[in-house]
Amino acid sequence: MIEINAPIRTERLVLRPFAAADEADMLEFESRPDVARYLFNEPRTPEGNARELAVRQEQTALRTEGDTLLLAVDLEGTVIGYTLLTWLSEQHRQGEFGYVLHPGHGGRGLATEAAREMLRLGFEELGLHRIIGRCDPRNEASARLMGRLGMRQEAHFVESEIFKGEWGGELHFAMLAREWEAAGRPG
């Protein structure tokens, strides 16, 4: 089990549960078409953003299979994105992680820093055996990030689903606990 009660500090970031005061920061990136492009949701309206924020405020722990831990990525007091870890299988010790970052903060390694911490939580705190990450094949930045973290691409599903009105694909990456340990917190 992982329950986040205090912020997690990385070199430059604070990863913490979302709070009501984060609504404007969250809308700043969630309303952008370039952020929603590779996500299942459309750009969020203020009303949709408020509803999603309420959901995120409850996602502060991994208590049982199926739970998602979703943390705000805070840079100097401003929420610039989020990172998440979902507990896929207790029996098989599997998880999935993900991240979204405001494009205005890209290219500085901040998404890598936040994502690395979610891998650490999954492997070192929850004791997962395997963590996966998925992205749209057109999202080259996300694919490169997972590669920098030491994950290997295991699959490329071509035109596997209708995504926002057109055929879309998906890249699957994975890392095992022993690979995490051998790499010494890659990224």
N, C-alpha and C. Protein backbone atom coordinates (compact mmCIF):
# COMPACT_ATOMS: atom_id res chain seq x y z
N MET A 1 0.84 -1.18 0.00
CA MET A 1 0.00 0.00 0.00
C MET A 1 0.89 1.24 0.00
N ILE A 2 0.45 2.25 -0.72
CA ILE A 2 1.11 3.55 -0.71
C ILE A 2 0.03 4.60 -0.45
N GLU A 3 0.26 5.42 0.55
CA GLU A 3 -0.64 6.55 0.80
C GLU A 3 0.22 7.80 0.91
N ILE A 4 -0.11 8.81 0.13
CA ILE A 4 0.67 10.04 0.11
C ILE A 4 0.01 11.07 1.04
N ASN A 5 0.67 11.33 2.15
CA ASN A 5 0.17 12.33 3.11
C ASN A 5 1.03 13.58 3.10
N ALA A 6 2.28 13.44 2.71
CA ALA A 6 3.20 14.57 2.67
C ALA A 6 3.75 14.68 1.25
N PRO A 7 4.10 15.87 0.83
CA PRO A 7 4.65 16.03 -0.52
C PRO A 7 5.95 15.23 -0.70
N ILE A 8 6.17 14.78 -1.93
CA ILE A 8 7.41 14.11 -2.30
C ILE A 8 8.25 15.15 -3.03
N ARG A 9 9.46 15.34 -2.57
CA ARG A 9 10.34 16.33 -3.18
C ARG A 9 11.39 15.62 -4.03
N THR A 10 11.50 16.07 -5.28
CA THR A 10 12.56 15.60 -6.16
C THR A 10 13.55 16.76 -6.28
N GLU A 11 14.48 16.66 -7.19
CA GLU A 11 15.49 17.72 -7.32
C GLU A 11 14.87 19.10 -7.53
N ARG A 12 13.88 19.18 -8.43
CA ARG A 12 13.28 20.49 -8.75
C ARG A 12 11.78 20.57 -8.52
N LEU A 13 11.16 19.46 -8.22
CA LEU A 13 9.70 19.39 -8.19
C LEU A 13 9.17 18.97 -6.83
N VAL A 14 7.88 19.25 -6.63
CA VAL A 14 7.13 18.70 -5.51
C VAL A 14 5.98 17.91 -6.13
N LEU A 15 5.87 16.65 -5.78
CA LEU A 15 4.75 15.80 -6.21
C LEU A 15 3.84 15.66 -5.00
N ARG A 16 2.57 16.04 -5.19
CA ARG A 16 1.65 16.10 -4.05
C ARG A 16 0.23 15.87 -4.52
N PRO A 17 -0.66 15.53 -3.58
CA PRO A 17 -2.07 15.42 -3.95
C PRO A 17 -2.60 16.75 -4.47
N PHE A 18 -3.56 16.66 -5.38
CA PHE A 18 -4.23 17.87 -5.88
C PHE A 18 -5.06 18.49 -4.76
N ALA A 19 -5.16 19.82 -4.78
CA ALA A 19 -5.96 20.58 -3.82
C ALA A 19 -6.92 21.48 -4.59
N ALA A 20 -7.96 21.94 -3.91
CA ALA A 20 -8.95 22.82 -4.55
C ALA A 20 -8.29 24.07 -5.14
N ALA A 21 -7.24 24.54 -4.52
CA ALA A 21 -6.56 25.75 -4.99
C ALA A 21 -5.82 25.55 -6.32
N ASP A 22 -5.73 24.32 -6.79
CA ASP A 22 -5.02 24.01 -8.05
C ASP A 22 -5.89 24.16 -9.29
N GLU A 23 -7.15 24.53 -9.12
CA GLU A 23 -8.08 24.53 -10.25
C GLU A 23 -7.62 25.39 -11.41
N ALA A 24 -7.17 26.61 -11.16
CA ALA A 24 -6.74 27.50 -12.26
C ALA A 24 -5.48 26.97 -12.94
N ASP A 25 -4.50 26.49 -12.15
CA ASP A 25 -3.28 25.93 -12.75
C ASP A 25 -3.62 24.72 -13.61
N MET A 26 -4.49 23.87 -13.11
CA MET A 26 -4.86 22.66 -13.85
C MET A 26 -5.57 23.03 -15.16
N LEU A 27 -6.47 23.99 -15.12
CA LEU A 27 -7.17 24.40 -16.33
C LEU A 27 -6.20 24.98 -17.36
N GLU A 28 -5.15 25.61 -16.90
CA GLU A 28 -4.17 26.21 -17.80
C GLU A 28 -3.59 25.19 -18.78
N PHE A 29 -3.35 23.96 -18.33
CA PHE A 29 -2.84 22.95 -19.27
C PHE A 29 -3.93 22.01 -19.74
N GLU A 30 -4.92 21.71 -18.92
CA GLU A 30 -5.97 20.75 -19.31
C GLU A 30 -6.88 21.28 -20.42
N SER A 31 -6.96 22.60 -20.58
CA SER A 31 -7.83 23.18 -21.60
C SER A 31 -7.15 23.27 -22.97
N ARG A 32 -5.89 22.92 -23.04
CA ARG A 32 -5.11 23.08 -24.27
C ARG A 32 -5.32 21.91 -25.23
N PRO A 33 -5.64 22.18 -26.49
CA PRO A 33 -5.77 21.10 -27.48
C PRO A 33 -4.48 20.29 -27.65
N ASP A 34 -3.32 20.93 -27.54
CA ASP A 34 -2.07 20.18 -27.71
C ASP A 34 -1.80 19.24 -26.55
N VAL A 35 -2.37 19.49 -25.38
CA VAL A 35 -2.26 18.57 -24.25
C VAL A 35 -3.23 17.40 -24.44
N ALA A 36 -4.45 17.69 -24.83
CA ALA A 36 -5.47 16.65 -24.99
C ALA A 36 -5.27 15.80 -26.25
N ARG A 37 -4.43 16.23 -27.15
CA ARG A 37 -4.27 15.56 -28.45
C ARG A 37 -4.09 14.05 -28.33
N TYR A 38 -3.25 13.60 -27.40
CA TYR A 38 -2.96 12.17 -27.28
C TYR A 38 -3.65 11.52 -26.07
N LEU A 39 -4.58 12.24 -25.45
CA LEU A 39 -5.32 11.71 -24.31
C LEU A 39 -6.73 11.33 -24.74
N PHE A 40 -7.40 10.52 -23.96
CA PHE A 40 -8.75 10.09 -24.32
C PHE A 40 -9.77 11.20 -24.14
N ASN A 41 -9.47 12.19 -23.30
CA ASN A 41 -10.39 13.31 -23.12
C ASN A 41 -10.11 14.41 -24.13
N GLU A 42 -11.08 15.27 -24.30
CA GLU A 42 -10.94 16.49 -25.11
C GLU A 42 -10.40 17.59 -24.19
N PRO A 43 -10.02 18.74 -24.74
CA PRO A 43 -9.62 19.85 -23.88
C PRO A 43 -10.74 20.13 -22.87
N ARG A 44 -10.37 20.35 -21.64
CA ARG A 44 -11.38 20.50 -20.58
C ARG A 44 -11.94 21.92 -20.54
N THR A 45 -13.24 21.98 -20.34
CA THR A 45 -13.92 23.24 -20.06
C THR A 45 -13.72 23.54 -18.57
N PRO A 46 -14.01 24.77 -18.13
CA PRO A 46 -13.90 25.04 -16.69
C PRO A 46 -14.76 24.08 -15.85
N GLU A 47 -15.96 23.76 -16.33
CA GLU A 47 -16.84 22.85 -15.57
C GLU A 47 -16.26 21.43 -15.54
N GLY A 48 -15.80 20.96 -16.69
CA GLY A 48 -15.19 19.62 -16.75
C GLY A 48 -13.91 19.55 -15.94
N ASN A 49 -13.16 20.62 -15.94
CA ASN A 49 -11.92 20.68 -15.17
C ASN A 49 -12.23 20.58 -13.67
N ALA A 50 -13.26 21.28 -13.22
CA ALA A 50 -13.64 21.24 -11.80
C ALA A 50 -14.07 19.83 -11.40
N ARG A 51 -14.83 19.16 -12.28
CA ARG A 51 -15.25 17.78 -11.97
C ARG A 51 -14.03 16.86 -11.89
N GLU A 52 -13.10 17.00 -12.84
CA GLU A 52 -11.90 16.15 -12.85
C GLU A 52 -11.03 16.44 -11.63
N LEU A 53 -10.92 17.68 -11.23
CA LEU A 53 -10.14 18.03 -10.05
C LEU A 53 -10.71 17.32 -8.81
N ALA A 54 -12.02 17.28 -8.68
CA ALA A 54 -12.64 16.60 -7.53
C ALA A 54 -12.27 15.12 -7.51
N VAL A 55 -12.22 14.49 -8.68
CA VAL A 55 -11.82 13.08 -8.77
C VAL A 55 -10.36 12.93 -8.35
N ARG A 56 -9.51 13.80 -8.87
CA ARG A 56 -8.07 13.71 -8.58
C ARG A 56 -7.76 13.92 -7.10
N GLN A 57 -8.54 14.74 -6.45
CA GLN A 57 -8.31 14.99 -5.02
C GLN A 57 -8.51 13.72 -4.19
N GLU A 58 -9.20 12.75 -4.72
CA GLU A 58 -9.44 11.49 -4.01
C GLU A 58 -8.41 10.42 -4.35
N GLN A 59 -7.58 10.66 -5.35
CA GLN A 59 -6.64 9.63 -5.83
C GLN A 59 -5.27 9.82 -5.17
N THR A 60 -5.24 9.54 -3.86
CA THR A 60 -4.04 9.80 -3.07
C THR A 60 -3.40 8.54 -2.51
N ALA A 61 -3.91 7.37 -2.88
CA ALA A 61 -3.38 6.13 -2.29
C ALA A 61 -3.58 4.95 -3.24
N LEU A 62 -2.70 3.98 -3.06
CA LEU A 62 -2.84 2.67 -3.71
C LEU A 62 -3.08 1.68 -2.58
N ARG A 63 -4.35 1.38 -2.34
CA ARG A 63 -4.71 0.47 -1.24
C ARG A 63 -5.00 -0.93 -1.74
N THR A 64 -5.50 -1.00 -2.99
CA THR A 64 -5.90 -2.29 -3.54
C THR A 64 -5.80 -2.25 -5.05
N GLU A 65 -5.76 -3.41 -5.64
CA GLU A 65 -5.72 -3.54 -7.10
C GLU A 65 -6.79 -2.67 -7.76
N GLY A 66 -6.40 -1.96 -8.81
CA GLY A 66 -7.32 -1.09 -9.52
C GLY A 66 -7.23 0.37 -9.11
N ASP A 67 -6.63 0.66 -7.94
CA ASP A 67 -6.49 2.04 -7.49
C ASP A 67 -5.47 2.79 -8.34
N THR A 68 -5.68 4.10 -8.44
CA THR A 68 -4.73 5.00 -9.12
C THR A 68 -4.28 6.08 -8.15
N LEU A 69 -2.98 6.28 -8.07
CA LEU A 69 -2.37 7.37 -7.34
C LEU A 69 -2.06 8.44 -8.37
N LEU A 70 -2.64 9.63 -8.22
CA LEU A 70 -2.45 10.70 -9.19
C LEU A 70 -1.98 11.94 -8.44
N LEU A 71 -0.76 12.41 -8.78
CA LEU A 71 -0.15 13.51 -8.05
C LEU A 71 0.09 14.72 -8.95
N ALA A 72 -0.13 15.89 -8.38
CA ALA A 72 0.17 17.14 -9.08
C ALA A 72 1.68 17.29 -9.16
N VAL A 73 2.16 17.78 -10.30
CA VAL A 73 3.56 18.13 -10.47
C VAL A 73 3.66 19.64 -10.25
N ASP A 74 4.27 20.01 -9.14
CA ASP A 74 4.34 21.39 -8.69
C ASP A 74 5.76 21.91 -8.89
N LEU A 75 5.88 22.98 -9.65
CA LEU A 75 7.16 23.64 -9.88
C LEU A 75 7.08 25.04 -9.28
N GLU A 76 7.78 25.24 -8.20
CA GLU A 76 7.84 26.56 -7.56
C GLU A 76 6.46 27.14 -7.26
N GLY A 77 5.56 26.29 -6.78
CA GLY A 77 4.23 26.74 -6.38
C GLY A 77 3.17 26.74 -7.46
N THR A 78 3.51 26.32 -8.67
CA THR A 78 2.55 26.26 -9.77
C THR A 78 2.43 24.81 -10.24
N VAL A 79 1.20 24.32 -10.37
CA VAL A 79 0.99 22.97 -10.89
C VAL A 79 1.15 23.02 -12.40
N ILE A 80 2.11 22.25 -12.91
CA ILE A 80 2.42 22.25 -14.34
C ILE A 80 2.09 20.92 -15.01
N GLY A 81 1.48 20.01 -14.29
CA GLY A 81 1.13 18.71 -14.86
C GLY A 81 0.76 17.73 -13.78
N TYR A 82 0.77 16.46 -14.15
CA TYR A 82 0.49 15.40 -13.18
C TYR A 82 1.22 14.14 -13.59
N THR A 83 1.35 13.25 -12.64
CA THR A 83 1.91 11.94 -12.88
C THR A 83 1.07 10.94 -12.10
N LEU A 84 1.02 9.71 -12.60
CA LEU A 84 0.14 8.73 -11.97
C LEU A 84 0.74 7.34 -11.99
N LEU A 85 0.25 6.52 -11.08
CA LEU A 85 0.60 5.11 -11.02
C LEU A 85 -0.68 4.35 -10.71
N THR A 86 -1.01 3.36 -11.54
CA THR A 86 -2.18 2.52 -11.34
C THR A 86 -1.72 1.12 -10.98
N TRP A 87 -2.33 0.55 -9.96
CA TRP A 87 -2.04 -0.82 -9.52
C TRP A 87 -2.91 -1.76 -10.34
N LEU A 88 -2.32 -2.37 -11.36
CA LEU A 88 -3.07 -3.22 -12.30
C LEU A 88 -3.38 -4.60 -11.74
N SER A 89 -2.42 -5.22 -11.06
CA SER A 89 -2.63 -6.58 -10.55
C SER A 89 -1.82 -6.79 -9.29
N GLU A 90 -2.51 -7.16 -8.22
CA GLU A 90 -1.82 -7.48 -6.97
C GLU A 90 -1.12 -8.83 -7.10
N GLN A 91 -1.81 -9.82 -7.65
CA GLN A 91 -1.26 -11.16 -7.79
C GLN A 91 0.01 -11.17 -8.64
N HIS A 92 -0.02 -10.45 -9.76
CA HIS A 92 1.12 -10.46 -10.68
C HIS A 92 2.06 -9.27 -10.49
N ARG A 93 1.75 -8.44 -9.48
CA ARG A 93 2.59 -7.29 -9.11
C ARG A 93 2.88 -6.41 -10.32
N GLN A 94 1.81 -5.98 -10.97
CA GLN A 94 1.89 -5.16 -12.19
C GLN A 94 1.31 -3.77 -11.95
N GLY A 95 1.92 -2.79 -12.60
CA GLY A 95 1.42 -1.43 -12.53
C GLY A 95 1.57 -0.72 -13.86
N GLU A 96 0.93 0.42 -13.98
CA GLU A 96 1.06 1.27 -15.16
C GLU A 96 1.25 2.70 -14.68
N PHE A 97 2.17 3.42 -15.33
CA PHE A 97 2.40 4.79 -14.95
C PHE A 97 2.16 5.70 -16.14
N GLY A 98 2.01 6.98 -15.86
CA GLY A 98 1.80 7.97 -16.91
C GLY A 98 2.11 9.36 -16.40
N TYR A 99 2.04 10.33 -17.30
CA TYR A 99 2.42 11.70 -16.97
C TYR A 99 1.85 12.63 -18.02
N VAL A 100 1.58 13.84 -17.62
CA VAL A 100 1.17 14.93 -18.51
C VAL A 100 1.86 16.18 -17.99
N LEU A 101 2.45 16.94 -18.90
CA LEU A 101 3.14 18.16 -18.52
C LEU A 101 2.73 19.30 -19.44
N HIS A 102 2.54 20.47 -18.87
CA HIS A 102 2.24 21.67 -19.65
C HIS A 102 3.35 21.84 -20.69
N PRO A 103 3.00 21.99 -21.98
CA PRO A 103 4.03 22.11 -23.03
C PRO A 103 5.00 23.27 -22.82
N GLY A 104 4.58 24.29 -22.10
CA GLY A 104 5.47 25.41 -21.84
C GLY A 104 6.64 25.06 -20.93
N HIS A 105 6.59 23.89 -20.33
CA HIS A 105 7.66 23.46 -19.43
C HIS A 105 8.41 22.26 -19.99
N GLY A 106 8.20 21.95 -21.26
CA GLY A 106 8.85 20.81 -21.88
C GLY A 106 10.31 21.08 -22.19
N GLY A 107 11.05 20.02 -22.43
CA GLY A 107 12.43 20.12 -22.86
C GLY A 107 13.43 20.39 -21.75
N ARG A 108 12.98 20.32 -20.50
CA ARG A 108 13.88 20.60 -19.37
C ARG A 108 14.07 19.38 -18.47
N GLY A 109 13.50 18.24 -18.86
CA GLY A 109 13.65 17.02 -18.07
C GLY A 109 12.71 16.92 -16.88
N LEU A 110 11.72 17.82 -16.80
CA LEU A 110 10.80 17.80 -15.66
C LEU A 110 9.86 16.59 -15.70
N ALA A 111 9.36 16.25 -16.87
CA ALA A 111 8.49 15.07 -16.99
C ALA A 111 9.27 13.81 -16.63
N THR A 112 10.52 13.74 -17.07
CA THR A 112 11.37 12.59 -16.74
C THR A 112 11.57 12.50 -15.23
N GLU A 113 11.81 13.62 -14.60
CA GLU A 113 12.01 13.66 -13.14
C GLU A 113 10.77 13.16 -12.39
N ALA A 114 9.60 13.62 -12.81
CA ALA A 114 8.35 13.19 -12.16
C ALA A 114 8.06 11.71 -12.44
N ALA A 115 8.24 11.30 -13.69
CA ALA A 115 7.96 9.90 -14.06
C ALA A 115 8.90 8.94 -13.33
N ARG A 116 10.17 9.32 -13.21
CA ARG A 116 11.15 8.48 -12.51
C ARG A 116 10.69 8.23 -11.07
N GLU A 117 10.13 9.26 -10.44
CA GLU A 117 9.68 9.10 -9.06
C GLU A 117 8.50 8.13 -8.96
N MET A 118 7.62 8.13 -9.96
CA MET A 118 6.51 7.17 -9.94
C MET A 118 7.01 5.75 -10.12
N LEU A 119 8.02 5.56 -10.97
CA LEU A 119 8.63 4.24 -11.10
C LEU A 119 9.24 3.82 -9.76
N ARG A 120 9.92 4.74 -9.10
CA ARG A 120 10.52 4.42 -7.80
C ARG A 120 9.46 3.99 -6.80
N LEU A 121 8.35 4.74 -6.74
CA LEU A 121 7.27 4.37 -5.83
C LEU A 121 6.74 2.97 -6.14
N GLY A 122 6.55 2.70 -7.43
CA GLY A 122 6.01 1.40 -7.82
C GLY A 122 6.93 0.24 -7.48
N PHE A 123 8.21 0.40 -7.80
CA PHE A 123 9.16 -0.69 -7.56
C PHE A 123 9.60 -0.77 -6.10
N GLU A 124 9.98 0.36 -5.52
CA GLU A 124 10.60 0.34 -4.21
C GLU A 124 9.60 0.41 -3.05
N GLU A 125 8.46 1.06 -3.24
CA GLU A 125 7.49 1.19 -2.15
C GLU A 125 6.37 0.14 -2.25
N LEU A 126 5.84 -0.06 -3.46
CA LEU A 126 4.73 -1.00 -3.62
C LEU A 126 5.22 -2.42 -3.90
N GLY A 127 6.47 -2.55 -4.33
CA GLY A 127 7.02 -3.88 -4.59
C GLY A 127 6.54 -4.49 -5.90
N LEU A 128 6.26 -3.65 -6.90
CA LEU A 128 5.81 -4.18 -8.18
C LEU A 128 6.93 -4.92 -8.88
N HIS A 129 6.56 -5.89 -9.68
CA HIS A 129 7.50 -6.66 -10.50
C HIS A 129 7.69 -6.02 -11.87
N ARG A 130 6.61 -5.42 -12.40
CA ARG A 130 6.63 -4.89 -13.77
C ARG A 130 5.74 -3.66 -13.84
N ILE A 131 6.25 -2.62 -14.51
CA ILE A 131 5.46 -1.41 -14.74
C ILE A 131 5.48 -1.12 -16.23
N ILE A 132 4.30 -0.82 -16.75
CA ILE A 132 4.17 -0.49 -18.17
C ILE A 132 3.85 0.99 -18.34
N GLY A 133 4.10 1.47 -19.54
CA GLY A 133 3.69 2.80 -19.96
C GLY A 133 3.22 2.70 -21.40
N ARG A 134 2.21 3.48 -21.75
CA ARG A 134 1.66 3.44 -23.11
C ARG A 134 1.59 4.85 -23.66
N CYS A 135 1.72 4.95 -24.99
CA CYS A 135 1.54 6.26 -25.64
C CYS A 135 1.15 6.06 -27.10
N ASP A 136 0.58 7.10 -27.66
CA ASP A 136 0.26 7.16 -29.07
C ASP A 136 1.59 7.17 -29.84
N PRO A 137 1.71 6.40 -30.94
CA PRO A 137 2.97 6.39 -31.70
C PRO A 137 3.38 7.76 -32.22
N ARG A 138 2.42 8.67 -32.39
CA ARG A 138 2.75 10.01 -32.86
C ARG A 138 3.34 10.88 -31.75
N ASN A 139 3.21 10.43 -30.52
CA ASN A 139 3.72 11.19 -29.38
C ASN A 139 5.18 10.81 -29.16
N GLU A 140 6.02 11.31 -30.04
CA GLU A 140 7.43 10.94 -30.03
C GLU A 140 8.14 11.37 -28.75
N ALA A 141 7.75 12.49 -28.17
CA ALA A 141 8.38 12.95 -26.94
C ALA A 141 8.14 11.96 -25.80
N SER A 142 6.92 11.44 -25.71
CA SER A 142 6.61 10.47 -24.66
C SER A 142 7.38 9.17 -24.87
N ALA A 143 7.45 8.72 -26.10
CA ALA A 143 8.21 7.49 -26.39
C ALA A 143 9.69 7.67 -26.04
N ARG A 144 10.26 8.82 -26.37
CA ARG A 144 11.66 9.09 -26.03
C ARG A 144 11.86 9.13 -24.52
N LEU A 145 10.91 9.72 -23.80
CA LEU A 145 11.01 9.79 -22.34
C LEU A 145 11.06 8.39 -21.74
N MET A 146 10.18 7.51 -22.19
CA MET A 146 10.19 6.15 -21.64
C MET A 146 11.51 5.43 -21.98
N GLY A 147 12.05 5.70 -23.15
CA GLY A 147 13.35 5.15 -23.50
C GLY A 147 14.45 5.67 -22.59
N ARG A 148 14.44 6.97 -22.28
CA ARG A 148 15.43 7.54 -21.37
C ARG A 148 15.34 6.93 -19.98
N LEU A 149 14.14 6.54 -19.59
CA LEU A 149 13.96 5.92 -18.28
C LEU A 149 14.46 4.47 -18.24
N GLY A 150 14.84 3.95 -19.40
CA GLY A 150 15.33 2.57 -19.46
C GLY A 150 14.26 1.55 -19.77
N MET A 151 13.08 2.01 -20.14
CA MET A 151 12.01 1.07 -20.50
C MET A 151 12.24 0.58 -21.92
N ARG A 152 11.80 -0.63 -22.17
CA ARG A 152 11.93 -1.18 -23.51
C ARG A 152 10.57 -1.17 -24.19
N GLN A 153 10.58 -0.90 -25.49
CA GLN A 153 9.34 -0.96 -26.25
C GLN A 153 9.03 -2.43 -26.50
N GLU A 154 7.86 -2.87 -26.07
CA GLU A 154 7.46 -4.26 -26.23
C GLU A 154 6.47 -4.47 -27.36
N ALA A 155 5.74 -3.44 -27.73
CA ALA A 155 4.72 -3.63 -28.76
C ALA A 155 4.40 -2.31 -29.44
N HIS A 156 3.97 -2.44 -30.69
CA HIS A 156 3.42 -1.32 -31.44
C HIS A 156 2.14 -1.84 -32.09
N PHE A 157 1.01 -1.46 -31.50
CA PHE A 157 -0.28 -1.85 -32.04
C PHE A 157 -0.67 -0.83 -33.11
N VAL A 158 -0.85 -1.29 -34.33
CA VAL A 158 -1.12 -0.42 -35.48
C VAL A 158 -2.63 -0.40 -35.73
N GLU A 159 -3.19 0.81 -35.79
CA GLU A 159 -4.62 1.00 -36.04
C GLU A 159 -5.46 0.02 -35.23
N SER A 160 -5.23 0.01 -33.93
CA SER A 160 -5.87 -0.96 -33.04
C SER A 160 -7.18 -0.48 -32.44
N GLU A 161 -7.49 0.81 -32.57
CA GLU A 161 -8.73 1.32 -32.01
C GLU A 161 -9.10 2.63 -32.71
N ILE A 162 -10.37 2.97 -32.61
CA ILE A 162 -10.82 4.28 -33.08
C ILE A 162 -10.50 5.27 -31.98
N PHE A 163 -9.70 6.26 -32.29
CA PHE A 163 -9.26 7.25 -31.32
C PHE A 163 -9.58 8.63 -31.88
N LYS A 164 -10.52 9.30 -31.23
CA LYS A 164 -10.95 10.64 -31.64
C LYS A 164 -11.33 10.67 -33.12
N GLY A 165 -12.10 9.67 -33.52
CA GLY A 165 -12.68 9.65 -34.86
C GLY A 165 -11.81 9.06 -35.95
N GLU A 166 -10.62 8.58 -35.62
CA GLU A 166 -9.77 7.98 -36.64
C GLU A 166 -9.04 6.78 -36.05
N TRP A 167 -8.50 5.95 -36.94
CA TRP A 167 -7.75 4.80 -36.47
C TRP A 167 -6.49 5.27 -35.78
N GLY A 168 -6.26 4.74 -34.59
CA GLY A 168 -5.08 5.09 -33.81
C GLY A 168 -4.32 3.86 -33.37
N GLY A 169 -3.08 4.05 -33.06
CA GLY A 169 -2.23 2.97 -32.58
C GLY A 169 -1.76 3.24 -31.16
N GLU A 170 -0.94 2.33 -30.67
CA GLU A 170 -0.44 2.47 -29.32
C GLU A 170 0.91 1.78 -29.19
N LEU A 171 1.86 2.45 -28.54
CA LEU A 171 3.14 1.85 -28.20
C LEU A 171 3.09 1.41 -26.75
N HIS A 172 3.61 0.22 -26.47
CA HIS A 172 3.68 -0.28 -25.10
C HIS A 172 5.15 -0.43 -24.71
N PHE A 173 5.49 0.15 -23.57
CA PHE A 173 6.82 0.06 -22.99
C PHE A 173 6.70 -0.65 -21.64
N ALA A 174 7.80 -1.24 -21.17
CA ALA A 174 7.77 -1.90 -19.86
C ALA A 174 9.16 -1.91 -19.24
N MET A 175 9.15 -2.07 -17.92
CA MET A 175 10.38 -2.24 -17.16
C MET A 175 10.09 -3.21 -16.03
N LEU A 176 11.07 -4.06 -15.74
CA LEU A 176 10.97 -5.00 -14.63
C LEU A 176 11.73 -4.45 -13.43
N ALA A 177 11.36 -4.92 -12.24
CA ALA A 177 12.03 -4.48 -11.01
C ALA A 177 13.53 -4.72 -11.09
N ARG A 178 13.95 -5.85 -11.61
CA ARG A 178 15.39 -6.14 -11.68
C ARG A 178 16.11 -5.18 -12.64
N GLU A 179 15.41 -4.73 -13.68
CA GLU A 179 16.00 -3.75 -14.59
C GLU A 179 16.13 -2.38 -13.91
N TRP A 180 15.12 -2.03 -13.11
CA TRP A 180 15.17 -0.80 -12.34
C TRP A 180 16.37 -0.82 -11.38
N GLU A 181 16.51 -1.93 -10.67
CA GLU A 181 17.61 -2.07 -9.70
C GLU A 181 18.97 -2.02 -10.39
N ALA A 182 19.09 -2.72 -11.51
CA ALA A 182 20.36 -2.76 -12.24
C ALA A 182 20.75 -1.40 -12.81
N ALA A 183 19.74 -0.61 -13.20
CA ALA A 183 20.02 0.69 -13.80
C ALA A 183 20.30 1.77 -12.74
N GLY A 184 19.95 1.51 -11.49
CA GLY A 184 20.21 2.49 -10.44
C GLY A 184 19.44 3.78 -10.61
N ARG A 185 18.11 3.70 -10.69
CA ARG A 185 17.23 4.87 -10.86
C ARG A 185 17.54 5.60 -12.17
N PRO A 186 17.29 4.96 -13.28
CA PRO A 186 17.61 5.55 -14.58
C PRO A 186 16.82 6.81 -14.88
N GLY A 187 17.30 7.55 -15.87
CA GLY A 187 16.56 8.72 -16.33
C GLY A 187 17.43 9.90 -16.42
